[in-house]
Amino acid sequence: MENTQKTGSFKARGAAFKVLSLTPEERKNGVVISSTGNHALAVLNAIKEIRKMTGERIPVEMYLPETISSRKLSKIEREAEACGGHITLLGQDCVESEIAARRAAEEAGKVYISPYNDVDVVAGQGTIAIEILMATDKLDVVFVPVGGGGLISGVASALKGIAPHVKVIGCQPEASDVMRQSVEAGKVVSMPWLETLSEGTAGSIEDDTITLGYCADLVDDWVTVSESEIAAAMVGFHGHHAAQIEGAAAVTIASIIKMAPSLAGKHVVAVICGGNVGGDMLDVAYDIVRGVHLTKDEQRQQSKKGEASAF
């Protein structure tokens, strides 16, 4: 239930681990990050907590895609103002802001903190697996949402090292399954991605990402789900738990529902990665469930079905 984290997502783990691993000189010099939202909030929180403990001020420059959700951007702006952080909106795809951030860090001689392509960040996310194993001695399958692969790389590394019998399932939206296709191809693939409720996992990944190797070696299977399935999971969770979760978290639940017949009798855990979602996005999910709203891709699919049925 990483939606209950202080920053609203699992990213708090990797960000804290990375920032704490920096030398005093590196922290004084400042850091550069790229994010679709949650990673930025996590880094800002880590910086704020370190300032409380040590009095250190850590300058931070943030590169965010222009497609970032308005809710996340508003939260980042509030936190950045308190920390003195600087925000640059750039590009439609998250990999564009990642490339720009990495370049800016290199030119300024600062540390770049990737949301996923960093061994310290991956290690921090892996603490989730440790907590899962501490909570239960009966575990067969763990479902994990995947974007850049930092979360599943950390979780799978810990699980396979301690409890190798546990199956790790990577979950992605059909509209943006870059990592799954990259694993299949044996290299990072460049592909267009479509509109999706799972904005936190959408977009391209860096060509040299370390997470591709982790995913190829440690993830046992992959599941992709449609926007309708993601919406149903968001709405179902909201109805049963009176709490909001992100589309990326709903991808995990939707994947379990999709694979339910093969999971009978097994002990299953879903990693609920975050809850930073606005009411507008939840409204869209409800509309999809009611059949009122279709994504552009689903509109095209419906149109094709209509054309086929006419013959």
Protein backbone atom coordinates (compact mmCIF):
# COMPACT_ATOMS: atom_id res chain seq x y z
CA MET A 1 0.00 0.00 0.00
CA GLU A 2 2.57 2.55 -1.11
CA ASN A 3 -0.28 5.02 -1.69
CA THR A 4 -0.06 5.62 2.08
CA GLN A 5 3.58 6.71 1.89
CA LYS A 6 4.39 10.24 3.01
CA THR A 7 4.79 11.39 -0.60
CA GLY A 8 1.95 9.23 -1.87
CA SER A 9 4.09 6.65 -3.69
CA PHE A 10 6.91 4.10 -3.43
CA LYS A 11 9.35 6.64 -4.89
CA ALA A 12 10.04 7.94 -1.37
CA ARG A 13 12.18 4.86 -0.76
CA GLY A 14 14.60 5.11 -3.67
CA ALA A 15 14.89 8.90 -3.45
CA ALA A 16 15.77 8.83 0.25
CA PHE A 17 18.28 6.02 -0.25
CA LYS A 18 20.00 7.92 -3.08
CA VAL A 19 20.10 11.35 -1.43
CA LEU A 20 21.43 9.86 1.81
CA SER A 21 24.16 8.07 -0.16
CA LEU A 22 25.58 11.36 -1.48
CA THR A 23 28.62 12.96 0.11
CA PRO A 24 28.21 16.29 1.94
CA GLU A 25 30.01 17.97 -0.96
CA GLU A 26 27.68 16.43 -3.54
CA ARG A 27 24.63 17.51 -1.58
CA LYS A 28 26.01 21.04 -1.19
CA ASN A 29 26.64 21.22 -4.94
CA GLY A 30 23.04 20.25 -5.66
CA VAL A 31 21.23 17.60 -7.67
CA VAL A 32 19.35 17.41 -10.96
CA ILE A 33 16.38 15.12 -11.47
CA SER A 34 13.81 14.18 -14.09
CA SER A 35 10.35 12.92 -13.22
CA THR A 36 6.77 12.43 -14.33
CA GLY A 37 5.75 13.53 -10.83
CA ASN A 38 6.24 11.05 -8.01
CA HIS A 39 10.04 10.92 -8.16
CA ALA A 40 10.22 14.71 -7.91
CA LEU A 41 7.96 14.72 -4.85
CA ALA A 42 10.08 11.99 -3.29
CA VAL A 43 13.39 13.78 -3.86
CA LEU A 44 11.96 17.04 -2.52
CA ASN A 45 10.76 15.21 0.59
CA ALA A 46 14.18 13.61 1.12
CA ILE A 47 15.84 17.02 0.81
CA LYS A 48 13.38 18.53 3.27
CA GLU A 49 13.95 15.77 5.82
CA ILE A 50 17.73 16.03 5.55
CA ARG A 51 17.48 19.78 6.07
CA LYS A 52 15.50 19.15 9.28
CA MET A 53 18.13 16.73 10.55
CA THR A 54 21.35 18.47 9.53
CA GLY A 55 20.45 21.99 8.44
CA GLU A 56 21.87 21.27 4.97
CA ARG A 57 20.34 23.03 1.98
CA ILE A 58 20.42 20.91 -1.15
CA PRO A 59 19.74 22.81 -4.40
CA VAL A 60 17.58 20.85 -6.84
CA GLU A 61 16.75 21.33 -10.50
CA MET A 62 13.78 19.37 -11.85
CA TYR A 63 13.02 18.52 -15.46
CA LEU A 64 9.43 17.44 -15.99
CA PRO A 65 7.56 16.52 -19.19
CA GLU A 66 4.91 18.95 -20.37
CA THR A 67 2.40 16.10 -20.13
CA ILE A 68 2.70 15.84 -16.33
CA SER A 69 -0.66 15.76 -14.55
CA SER A 70 -1.84 19.11 -13.21
CA ARG A 71 -2.33 17.63 -9.71
CA LYS A 72 1.24 16.38 -9.49
CA LEU A 73 2.64 19.60 -10.94
CA SER A 74 0.77 21.69 -8.37
CA LYS A 75 2.12 19.56 -5.52
CA ILE A 76 5.66 19.75 -6.88
CA GLU A 77 5.44 23.53 -7.27
CA ARG A 78 4.37 23.91 -3.63
CA GLU A 79 7.15 21.66 -2.35
CA ALA A 80 9.75 23.20 -4.69
CA GLU A 81 8.92 26.69 -3.44
CA ALA A 82 9.60 25.59 0.13
CA CYS A 83 12.91 23.96 -0.85
CA GLY A 84 14.03 26.56 -3.38
CA GLY A 85 13.83 24.06 -6.23
CA HIS A 86 13.72 25.07 -9.89
CA ILE A 87 11.31 23.47 -12.40
CA THR A 88 11.71 23.15 -16.18
CA LEU A 89 8.88 21.71 -18.27
CA LEU A 90 10.24 20.05 -21.40
CA GLY A 91 9.01 17.58 -24.01
CA GLN A 92 6.01 15.32 -24.44
CA ASP A 93 7.81 12.08 -23.55
CA CYS A 94 9.51 11.54 -20.19
CA VAL A 95 12.69 10.33 -21.89
CA GLU A 96 13.13 13.82 -23.38
CA SER A 97 13.20 15.41 -19.93
CA GLU A 98 15.49 12.61 -18.71
CA ILE A 99 18.03 13.30 -21.47
CA ALA A 100 17.88 17.06 -20.82
CA ALA A 101 18.30 16.58 -17.06
CA ARG A 102 21.26 14.24 -17.44
CA ARG A 103 22.94 16.68 -19.83
CA ALA A 104 22.35 19.62 -17.47
CA ALA A 105 23.83 17.67 -14.56
CA GLU A 106 26.94 16.73 -16.53
CA GLU A 107 27.50 20.31 -17.69
CA ALA A 108 27.11 21.68 -14.14
CA GLY A 109 29.10 18.92 -12.47
CA LYS A 110 26.13 17.90 -10.35
CA VAL A 111 24.70 14.51 -9.44
CA TYR A 112 21.82 13.37 -11.62
CA ILE A 113 19.21 11.28 -9.82
CA SER A 114 17.29 9.11 -12.27
CA PRO A 115 13.81 7.89 -11.35
CA TYR A 116 14.84 4.33 -12.24
CA ASN A 117 18.24 4.09 -13.99
CA ASP A 118 20.32 4.18 -10.80
CA VAL A 119 21.50 1.29 -8.64
CA ASP A 120 20.92 3.19 -5.38
CA VAL A 121 17.38 4.09 -6.39
CA VAL A 122 16.72 0.46 -7.36
CA ALA A 123 18.10 -0.71 -4.00
CA GLY A 124 15.81 1.67 -2.14
CA GLN A 125 12.74 0.40 -3.95
CA GLY A 126 13.75 -3.15 -3.09
CA THR A 127 12.99 -2.53 0.58
CA ILE A 128 9.36 -3.19 -0.33
CA ALA A 129 10.22 -6.85 -0.90
CA ILE A 130 11.92 -7.08 2.49
CA GLU A 131 8.79 -5.78 4.18
CA ILE A 132 6.59 -8.20 2.23
CA LEU A 133 8.74 -11.14 3.36
CA MET A 134 8.66 -9.89 6.95
CA ALA A 135 4.87 -9.71 6.81
CA THR A 136 4.20 -13.23 5.55
CA ASP A 137 5.93 -16.60 5.25
CA LYS A 138 3.36 -17.71 2.68
CA LEU A 139 4.15 -16.13 -0.65
CA ASP A 140 3.92 -17.49 -4.17
CA VAL A 141 3.47 -14.57 -6.57
CA VAL A 142 4.12 -10.82 -6.46
CA PHE A 143 2.61 -8.48 -9.05
CA VAL A 144 4.51 -5.24 -9.70
CA PRO A 145 3.67 -2.31 -12.01
CA VAL A 146 6.41 -1.40 -14.49
CA GLY A 147 7.40 1.85 -16.17
CA GLY A 148 11.14 2.44 -16.26
CA GLY A 149 11.60 -0.70 -14.19
CA GLY A 150 13.20 0.68 -11.03
CA LEU A 151 10.53 -0.69 -8.72
CA ILE A 152 10.37 -4.19 -10.14
CA SER A 153 14.17 -4.38 -10.43
CA GLY A 154 14.55 -3.70 -6.71
CA VAL A 155 11.67 -5.92 -5.65
CA ALA A 156 12.72 -8.83 -7.89
CA SER A 157 16.38 -8.59 -6.84
CA ALA A 158 15.48 -8.90 -3.18
CA LEU A 159 12.88 -11.62 -3.68
CA LYS A 160 15.04 -13.79 -5.92
CA GLY A 161 17.95 -13.44 -3.50
CA ILE A 162 15.96 -14.42 -0.41
CA ALA A 163 12.98 -16.42 -1.70
CA PRO A 164 13.78 -17.55 -5.26
CA HIS A 165 10.63 -19.67 -5.49
CA VAL A 166 8.45 -16.54 -5.54
CA LYS A 167 7.27 -15.60 -9.02
CA VAL A 168 7.56 -11.93 -10.01
CA ILE A 169 5.04 -10.67 -12.56
CA GLY A 170 5.57 -7.40 -14.42
CA CYS A 171 2.39 -5.44 -15.13
CA GLN A 172 2.00 -2.79 -17.83
CA PRO A 173 -0.79 -1.00 -19.71
CA GLU A 174 -1.32 -2.17 -23.27
CA ALA A 175 -1.00 1.47 -24.31
CA SER A 176 2.63 1.68 -23.11
CA ASP A 177 4.43 -1.62 -22.56
CA VAL A 178 7.90 -0.44 -23.56
CA MET A 179 9.78 -2.55 -20.99
CA ARG A 180 7.96 -5.77 -21.85
CA GLN A 181 8.69 -5.28 -25.53
CA SER A 182 12.29 -4.30 -24.77
CA VAL A 183 12.83 -7.51 -22.79
CA GLU A 184 11.35 -9.46 -25.67
CA ALA A 185 13.63 -7.70 -28.15
CA GLY A 186 16.72 -7.97 -25.97
CA LYS A 187 17.31 -4.22 -26.18
CA VAL A 188 15.50 -0.98 -25.40
CA VAL A 189 12.96 -0.39 -28.16
CA SER A 190 11.66 2.94 -29.36
CA MET A 191 7.92 2.88 -29.83
CA PRO A 192 4.99 5.29 -29.74
CA TRP A 193 2.89 5.19 -26.61
CA LEU A 194 -0.77 6.00 -26.35
CA GLU A 195 -2.95 7.86 -23.89
CA THR A 196 -3.35 5.86 -20.68
CA LEU A 197 -4.74 6.13 -17.17
CA SER A 198 -1.43 4.66 -16.03
CA GLU A 199 0.48 7.90 -16.57
CA GLY A 200 3.12 6.93 -14.02
CA THR A 201 4.30 4.01 -16.17
CA ALA A 202 3.87 5.65 -19.57
CA GLY A 203 6.61 6.75 -21.94
CA SER A 204 10.00 5.69 -23.22
CA ILE A 205 13.05 4.57 -21.24
CA GLU A 206 16.75 5.41 -21.47
CA ASP A 207 18.73 3.31 -23.95
CA ASP A 208 21.36 2.34 -21.37
CA THR A 209 19.02 1.65 -18.46
CA ILE A 210 20.31 -0.90 -15.97
CA THR A 211 16.75 -2.01 -15.33
CA LEU A 212 16.49 -3.86 -18.66
CA GLY A 213 18.96 -6.46 -17.42
CA TYR A 214 17.15 -6.89 -14.10
CA CYS A 215 13.82 -7.27 -15.87
CA ALA A 216 15.18 -9.75 -18.40
CA ASP A 217 16.87 -11.91 -15.76
CA LEU A 218 14.49 -11.72 -12.81
CA VAL A 219 10.92 -11.14 -14.00
CA ASP A 220 9.10 -14.43 -14.55
CA ASP A 221 6.19 -13.26 -16.67
CA TRP A 222 4.42 -10.19 -18.04
CA VAL A 223 0.80 -9.08 -18.17
CA THR A 224 -0.66 -6.16 -20.10
CA VAL A 225 -4.09 -4.70 -19.43
CA SER A 226 -6.48 -2.44 -21.31
CA GLU A 227 -7.69 0.99 -20.27
CA SER A 228 -11.10 -0.48 -19.45
CA GLU A 229 -9.47 -3.02 -17.13
CA ILE A 230 -7.37 -0.31 -15.45
CA ALA A 231 -10.44 1.89 -15.00
CA ALA A 232 -12.43 -0.96 -13.46
CA ALA A 233 -9.61 -1.59 -10.97
CA MET A 234 -9.41 2.11 -10.01
CA VAL A 235 -13.17 2.29 -9.50
CA GLY A 236 -13.31 -1.03 -7.66
CA PHE A 237 -10.57 -0.01 -5.24
CA HIS A 238 -12.25 3.35 -4.66
CA GLY A 239 -15.56 1.64 -3.92
CA HIS A 240 -14.21 -1.08 -1.64
CA HIS A 241 -11.58 0.92 0.26
CA ALA A 242 -12.82 4.51 -0.02
CA ALA A 243 -9.36 5.47 -1.25
CA GLN A 244 -7.93 6.67 -4.53
CA ILE A 245 -5.06 4.96 -6.33
CA GLU A 246 -3.15 5.91 -9.43
CA GLY A 247 -3.70 4.19 -12.74
CA ALA A 248 -0.24 2.63 -12.37
CA ALA A 249 -1.33 0.97 -9.12
CA ALA A 250 -4.59 -0.14 -10.71
CA VAL A 251 -2.57 -1.87 -13.45
CA THR A 252 -1.38 -4.34 -10.82
CA ILE A 253 -4.88 -5.09 -9.56
CA ALA A 254 -6.21 -5.40 -13.11
CA SER A 255 -3.42 -7.84 -13.93
CA ILE A 256 -4.30 -10.06 -10.96
CA ILE A 257 -7.96 -10.04 -11.97
CA LYS A 258 -6.97 -10.96 -15.53
CA MET A 259 -4.82 -13.88 -14.31
CA ALA A 260 -7.20 -14.96 -11.53
CA PRO A 261 -7.96 -18.44 -12.94
CA SER A 262 -4.27 -19.39 -12.82
CA LEU A 263 -3.82 -18.02 -9.28
CA ALA A 264 -6.29 -20.28 -7.49
CA GLY A 265 -4.84 -21.58 -4.22
CA LYS A 266 -1.79 -19.31 -4.42
CA HIS A 267 -0.65 -16.62 -1.99
CA VAL A 268 -0.51 -13.40 -4.01
CA VAL A 269 0.69 -9.88 -3.25
CA ALA A 270 -0.05 -6.77 -5.29
CA VAL A 271 2.31 -3.81 -4.97
CA ILE A 272 0.02 -0.75 -4.87
CA CYS A 273 2.60 1.77 -6.03
CA GLY A 274 0.89 5.11 -5.40
CA GLY A 275 -2.17 7.25 -4.82
CA ASN A 276 -1.27 10.63 -6.33
CA VAL A 277 -4.30 10.90 -8.56
CA GLY A 278 -6.68 13.79 -9.01
CA GLY A 279 -10.44 13.61 -8.94
CA ASP A 280 -10.51 14.41 -12.64
CA MET A 281 -8.59 11.24 -13.49
CA LEU A 282 -10.84 9.19 -11.22
CA ASP A 283 -13.83 10.73 -12.99
CA VAL A 284 -12.40 9.55 -16.30
CA ALA A 285 -12.06 6.05 -14.86
CA TYR A 286 -15.70 6.08 -13.74
CA ASP A 287 -16.75 7.32 -17.18
CA ILE A 288 -14.86 4.49 -18.87
CA VAL A 289 -16.56 1.94 -16.60
CA ARG A 290 -19.93 3.47 -17.43
CA GLY A 291 -19.05 3.43 -21.12
CA VAL A 292 -19.22 7.22 -21.34
CA HIS A 293 -15.54 7.86 -22.02
CA LEU A 294 -13.23 6.02 -24.38
CA THR A 295 -9.55 6.76 -24.91
CA LYS A 296 -8.46 7.67 -28.43
CA ASP A 297 -7.05 4.19 -28.93
CA GLU A 298 -10.24 2.50 -27.74
CA GLN A 299 -12.27 4.81 -29.99
CA ARG A 300 -10.20 3.58 -32.94
CA GLN A 301 -10.69 -0.04 -31.85
CA GLN A 302 -14.45 0.46 -31.50
CA SER A 303 -14.52 2.04 -34.95
CA LYS A 304 -12.66 -0.92 -36.45
CA LYS A 305 -15.08 -3.36 -34.78
CA GLY A 306 -17.98 -1.41 -36.20
CA GLU A 307 -16.49 -1.45 -39.68
CA ALA A 308 -15.84 -5.23 -39.45
CA SER A 309 -19.38 -5.97 -38.30
CA ALA A 310 -20.76 -4.12 -41.30
CA PHE A 311 -19.49 -6.82 -43.67
